[in-house]
Amino acid sequence: MLWRGLLAFLLLLTPLTARAAVFYPTSFTLANGLQIIVVPNHLAPAVNQMVWYKVGSADEVPNKTGLAHYLEHLMFRGTEGMGPGEFSKTIAAQGGDDNAFTAYDYTAFHETVAADRLPMIMQMEADRMQNLRIMPETATPELSVVLDERQQRTDNDPDGRFEEKLRHLLMPHYPYGVPVIGWRQEIEKLTASDATDFYKRHYAPNNAVVIISGDVTPDKVMRMAASIYGPLERHDVTERRPLPPPPNPVQHRFVMVDVGVEQAELQWQVVVPSYNTQKGQEAYAYEVLAEALDSGEIGVLYRKLVAEQGVASGIETSYDPDARGPALFTIALTPHPGKKPEQLEKALRDALQDLAQHGLDAKLIEDTKERLQREAIFARDSLMMPGYAFGMAITTGHTVTDVEEWPDRIKAVTPEAVNAALTDLVANPHSITGLLLPDAHASKAAREAAHPVLSHDMGIR
């Protein structure tokens, strides 16, 4: 009878059997709209829970940047039944760990504990999903913690300042061009009332997804979720604003000279389609392209710029298509000692033009696709990878099936599609080149002063 009563909270149970499935999940949705995804992993007697909310810094209102991240901090400041700071202390006392993060399109909270402690962390997350207490006496000190975090990671860090400026120049007056942590002058004005309003407008079971992975079975998780999360009330949440195409860059080249820089860096950033903004399947071609260009010593650009020409000492290519709006394709390089950054800039441009003109070899592309598909197999052994994969997908408008069919979609990418993506990338005008350079004229004292000793115990999440 208890089982039947708990099932009253369930609307849907959907086991998935994709042709080349990655995690083999079970997905179900409670009557209050909360989606639960379960991925059994019996390699260790542990469990990971990730709670993702479909709200991030891109959903903030004007003049209140940093509010989503501020609320993330305040989620640890207590409910009616749990005092400030007790959330993490309780988990640590059980030998577990927890943390959280905010991004443009989502905010996520996660805990890893022994498998038999799953009911405990479910109850704790359910509690703060609807019973968070945001009081001025706790919210005001936490604002100082957020400001200290910005000071440490951006204001006192040349790389942080460089990244922030580069993105803002590339996408000016656009949600993705604003730092997730917010502008300092706007963070300083945030209040407990602002955070409470944001919490009420976005935090609800019908605006969240919970992913449970580890030493569990779907039927037991279903029963637990129905009894713990099921009673939470759904309520209307603020509808997400659509993200239009971003405006053109303010400029296409940016040079920053800083006394705190010890190693020069070159970045080339290009606005390209994401899963959401692609017209066909080109996002998958960009994924293959990113891996082909940068995959360690066998990467095409590594061979050209590091091994053959010796103008670079390191290279990193990144592309994350999980975004509600457009995505960024980034190539970051460090010049080889004795080589000028401008030499590296020209070498990168020439190498990309040459590759676009002649195309990448079909066998190289097939080998790259096989590596990506193998990575999906290895991800099955990870306790947290299912949470990240499904969380990013669901919060940006995609489905469990999209994640499970990813290997098939990568396999279907043709060499022609990859080379078309490369051609489009090189010709894309929505790009910016950034150079971060050391100040060659700075004194030793000035350079030492630019590297203050920062505290590593600041309560920063």
Foldseek 3Di string as FASTA:
>chain_A
DLLVVLCVQWDDWDQDDDPQFQQRWIWTATNQQAIEIEGEFAPDQKKKKKKKFQAAQLQDDPLQAQLRVLLQLLLQQDFPVAHRNVLQVVLVVQVKGKDWDGDLGMTMIMIMHGNVCVLVVLQSVLCSLPGRDQDQVRSVVSLVLLLLVCCVQAVLDLVNVQVLVFLCQLFPPFSRSADRNGDPVSSVPDGSVSNVVQSVQTRFSSRMYMYMYYNDDVVVVSSSCSVRNSVGHHDHHDDGDQGDAGDFGNDAEAEAADQQDDFKKKKKKFWAAAPQRDPPLLNLLVVLLQCQQDVPCNRPVCCQDPVPVNQFDDKHWDWHRLALYIIMTMIMTTTHPPHDVVVVVVSVLVSLVVCLVVADDQVSSQVSLVVVSVVSNVLNNDNCSVVVQQSSQVSSPHHSVCNGCSSVSNNPDGSVSNSVSSNCRSVHSSMHMYMYHYDPPDDPVSNVVSDDDDDPPSSHD
